[in-house]
C-alpha cells in the first residue's frame, strides 16, 4: 500500500466513525423526544396505565411537594388519578402543540404569577439539583435524618436526568424529570412545587 491509499483509508474510517457517533446521538435525542411527548399526552389524558409503564420499578416515582413552608418529597410506585399521591396532586389542564424546544427552561415569577415563557421545554445540557438540594435542606433545617446513601442515590439520579417544563398562556403547567437508566428513559421525578409561591 502506498501512503495515499493509507491516508484515504484512514480518512474514510474517521468519517464513518463520525457519522456513526452523530447518528447515535440523534437516535438518543429522538427517543427522549418521543418519551417526553408520551408523558405529556398521558398526563393530559389522565392515562395512568401509560405513565406507570414509564416509572422504574426499582426506583419508583419521587413527587416534590410543599405541604408547609418547606419543600419535601414522597415516593410512590405508581400514579393513580383517582387516589393521587399526594392527595392534592394538581389537575393537569394545559394546552400544548407537543413541539419541544431544547433550550434554557422557563422560570416561575411569583410577582407576575406566571412562567417566563410558554411552551414545552427540555434542558438537555444542565443537571438540575432540586431533589438532592431538597433532601440536604430537610436534614439541615427540617429536622429530618435522610441517610447519606439516599442523598447519594439522589445525586446519581440527577446526573442522568433531564428536567422538562410545560407552561401555557392559561396557567396550565407540567414539570417532570426523565432519567436515562440502562439506555431507556424513565419518569422518575414529578415537580408540583416550582410555581408554589406560598411562604
Protein backbone atom coordinates (compact mmCIF):
# COMPACT_ATOMS: atom_id res chain seq x y z
CA UNK A 1 0.00 0.00 0.00
CA UNK A 2 1.24 3.45 -0.79
CA UNK A 3 0.93 6.46 1.53
CA UNK A 4 -2.02 7.93 -0.41
CA UNK A 5 -4.07 4.71 -0.03
CA UNK A 6 -3.36 4.60 3.71
CA UNK A 7 -4.38 8.28 4.10
CA UNK A 8 -7.61 7.74 2.14
CA UNK A 9 -8.45 4.59 4.15
CA UNK A 10 -7.80 6.42 7.42
CA UNK A 11 -9.96 9.36 6.30
CA UNK A 12 -12.83 7.05 5.31
CA UNK A 13 -12.67 5.26 8.68
CA UNK A 14 -12.70 8.62 10.53
CA UNK A 15 -15.67 9.92 8.51
CA UNK A 16 -17.61 6.68 9.08
CA UNK A 17 -16.85 6.87 12.80
CA UNK A 18 -18.06 10.48 13.00
CA UNK A 19 -21.24 9.68 11.07
CA UNK A 20 -21.97 6.74 13.35
CA UNK A 21 -21.45 8.77 16.54
CA UNK A 22 -23.70 11.60 15.27
CA UNK A 23 -26.38 9.10 14.29
CA UNK A 24 -26.24 7.54 17.77
CA UNK A 25 -26.71 10.94 19.43
CA UNK A 26 -29.68 11.76 17.18
CA UNK A 27 -31.34 8.42 17.99
CA UNK A 28 -30.99 9.08 21.74
CA UNK A 29 -32.40 12.60 21.39
CA UNK A 30 -35.23 11.31 19.20
CA UNK A 31 -36.02 8.68 21.81
CA UNK A 32 -36.04 11.37 24.52
CA UNK A 33 -38.43 13.48 22.42
CA UNK A 34 -40.87 10.62 21.93
CA UNK A 35 -40.90 9.80 25.67
CA UNK A 36 -41.48 13.48 26.55
CA UNK A 37 -44.49 13.59 24.22
CA UNK A 38 -45.73 10.25 25.59
CA UNK A 39 -45.59 11.53 29.19
CA UNK A 40 -47.27 14.86 28.34
CA UNK A 41 -50.09 13.14 26.43
CA UNK A 42 -50.61 10.64 29.24
CA UNK A 43 -50.92 13.41 31.85
CA UNK A 44 -53.27 15.38 29.58
CA UNK A 45 -55.48 12.31 29.05
CA UNK A 46 -55.08 11.09 32.65
CA UNK A 47 -53.67 7.84 31.28
CA UNK A 48 -52.17 6.31 34.44
CA UNK A 49 -51.58 2.97 32.71
CA UNK A 50 -49.11 4.51 30.24
CA UNK A 51 -47.42 6.62 32.93
CA UNK A 52 -46.97 3.61 35.22
CA UNK A 53 -45.13 1.70 32.49
CA UNK A 54 -42.61 4.56 32.42
CA UNK A 55 -41.90 4.53 36.17
CA UNK A 56 -38.83 2.39 37.02
CA UNK A 57 -39.89 -0.47 39.30
CA UNK A 58 -36.67 -0.46 41.32
CA UNK A 59 -36.71 3.33 41.96
CA UNK A 60 -40.35 4.37 41.82
CA UNK A 61 -41.53 7.96 41.30
CA UNK A 62 -40.43 10.83 43.56
CA UNK A 63 -43.00 13.62 43.91
CA UNK A 64 -41.74 17.01 45.09
CA UNK A 65 -44.38 18.61 47.34
CA UNK A 66 -44.78 21.64 49.58
CA UNK A 67 -47.20 20.79 52.39
CA UNK A 68 -46.00 23.73 54.52
CA UNK A 69 -43.13 26.17 54.30
CA UNK A 70 -40.51 23.58 53.27
CA UNK A 71 -40.22 21.57 50.09
CA UNK A 72 -40.49 17.85 50.79
CA UNK A 73 -40.71 14.71 48.72
CA UNK A 74 -42.64 11.48 48.81
CA UNK A 75 -42.17 8.26 46.88
CA UNK A 76 -44.79 6.21 45.11
CA UNK A 77 -44.77 3.11 42.92
CA UNK A 78 -47.48 4.35 40.60
CA UNK A 79 -49.70 7.23 39.55
CA UNK A 80 -53.40 6.92 40.37
CA UNK A 81 -55.50 9.90 39.32
CA UNK A 82 -58.42 8.64 41.47
CA UNK A 83 -56.26 8.35 44.62
CA UNK A 84 -53.29 10.61 43.94
CA UNK A 85 -50.08 10.80 45.96
CA UNK A 86 -50.03 13.38 47.39
CA UNK A 87 -53.78 13.87 47.78
CA UNK A 88 -53.59 17.38 46.34
CA UNK A 89 -51.89 16.32 43.08
CA UNK A 90 -52.83 19.11 40.67
CA UNK A 91 -55.24 18.69 37.79
CA UNK A 92 -53.17 18.77 34.65
CA UNK A 93 -55.14 21.02 32.31
CA UNK A 94 -52.81 22.57 29.77
CA UNK A 95 -52.59 23.42 26.09
CA UNK A 96 -49.63 22.25 24.03
CA UNK A 97 -48.61 21.67 20.42
CA UNK A 98 -46.10 18.99 21.59
CA UNK A 99 -43.22 20.85 19.91
CA UNK A 100 -40.20 20.50 22.22
CA UNK A 101 -37.67 23.31 22.48
CA UNK A 102 -34.25 22.15 23.68
CA UNK A 103 -33.02 25.30 25.41
CA UNK A 104 -32.95 27.07 28.78
CA UNK A 105 -36.05 26.30 30.81
CA UNK A 106 -38.67 28.87 31.78
CA UNK A 107 -38.63 30.09 35.38
CA UNK A 108 -41.63 30.96 37.52
CA UNK A 109 -42.05 34.60 38.58
CA UNK A 110 -44.00 34.80 41.84
CA UNK A 111 -44.64 38.56 41.45
CA UNK A 112 -46.14 38.20 37.98
CA UNK A 113 -47.63 34.78 38.88
CA UNK A 114 -46.53 33.28 35.56
CA UNK A 115 -43.75 31.41 33.79
CA UNK A 116 -41.12 33.45 31.94
CA UNK A 117 -42.05 31.78 28.63
CA UNK A 118 -44.69 29.41 27.33
CA UNK A 119 -44.28 26.10 25.52
CA UNK A 120 -42.71 22.70 26.07
CA UNK A 121 -39.04 22.88 27.06
CA UNK A 122 -36.26 20.44 27.88
CA UNK A 123 -32.78 21.41 29.03
CA UNK A 124 -30.64 18.67 27.54
CA UNK A 125 -27.39 20.07 28.98
CA UNK A 126 -27.81 21.26 32.59
CA UNK A 127 -28.11 18.99 35.61
CA UNK A 128 -30.86 20.10 37.98
CA UNK A 129 -30.19 19.63 41.72
CA UNK A 130 -33.64 20.35 43.16
CA UNK A 131 -34.16 16.87 44.62
CA UNK A 132 -30.77 16.47 46.31
CA UNK A 133 -30.91 20.12 47.44
CA UNK A 134 -34.32 19.47 48.99
CA UNK A 135 -33.00 16.44 50.89
CA UNK A 136 -29.96 18.38 52.14
CA UNK A 137 -32.21 21.25 53.33
CA UNK A 138 -34.52 18.81 55.11
CA UNK A 139 -31.54 17.43 57.04
CA UNK A 140 -30.19 20.90 57.86
CA UNK A 141 -33.38 22.80 58.63
CA UNK A 142 -36.28 20.35 58.74
CA UNK A 143 -35.05 18.02 61.46
CA UNK A 144 -35.05 15.05 59.06
CA UNK A 145 -32.48 12.29 59.13
CA UNK A 146 -32.13 11.30 55.47
CA UNK A 147 -29.28 8.78 55.22
CA UNK A 148 -26.15 9.57 53.24
CA UNK A 149 -26.87 6.59 50.95
CA UNK A 150 -30.21 8.13 49.92
CA UNK A 151 -28.61 11.52 49.32
CA UNK A 152 -26.01 9.85 47.09
CA UNK A 153 -28.74 7.98 45.19
CA UNK A 154 -30.46 11.33 44.50
CA UNK A 155 -27.22 12.88 43.19
CA UNK A 156 -26.65 9.82 40.96
CA UNK A 157 -30.25 10.02 39.70
CA UNK A 158 -29.87 13.72 38.85
CA UNK A 159 -26.69 13.10 36.81
CA UNK A 160 -28.69 11.16 34.22
CA UNK A 161 -31.92 13.18 34.44
CA UNK A 162 -33.42 15.91 32.30
CA UNK A 163 -35.97 18.45 33.58
CA UNK A 164 -38.96 19.17 31.34
CA UNK A 165 -41.24 22.19 31.81
CA UNK A 166 -44.54 22.75 30.03
CA UNK A 167 -46.33 26.06 30.57
CA UNK A 168 -49.18 27.65 28.64
CA UNK A 169 -50.94 31.03 28.50
CA UNK A 170 -53.80 29.79 30.69
CA UNK A 171 -51.63 28.99 33.75
CA UNK A 172 -51.53 25.31 32.80
CA UNK A 173 -48.27 23.55 33.62
CA UNK A 174 -46.49 20.25 33.98
CA UNK A 175 -42.96 19.81 35.35
CA UNK A 176 -41.24 16.42 35.40
CA UNK A 177 -37.89 14.68 35.02
CA UNK A 178 -36.88 11.81 32.78
CA UNK A 179 -33.87 9.69 33.69
CA UNK A 180 -31.76 7.53 31.39
CA UNK A 181 -31.43 4.10 33.03
CA UNK A 182 -29.87 1.23 31.04
CA UNK A 183 -30.35 3.19 27.78
CA UNK A 184 -34.06 3.75 28.40
CA UNK A 185 -35.82 6.93 29.56
CA UNK A 186 -38.00 6.68 32.68
CA UNK A 187 -40.30 9.06 34.54
CA UNK A 188 -38.57 9.49 37.91
CA UNK A 189 -39.48 12.88 39.41
CA UNK A 190 -42.68 14.91 39.36
CA UNK A 191 -42.36 18.56 40.44
CA UNK A 192 -45.54 20.05 41.93
CA UNK A 193 -43.80 22.93 43.70
CA UNK A 194 -42.00 25.20 41.22
CA UNK A 195 -44.97 27.56 40.85
CA UNK A 196 -45.96 27.34 44.54
CA UNK A 197 -45.16 30.78 45.93
CA UNK A 198 -46.64 30.17 49.38
CA UNK A 199 -44.39 31.03 52.31
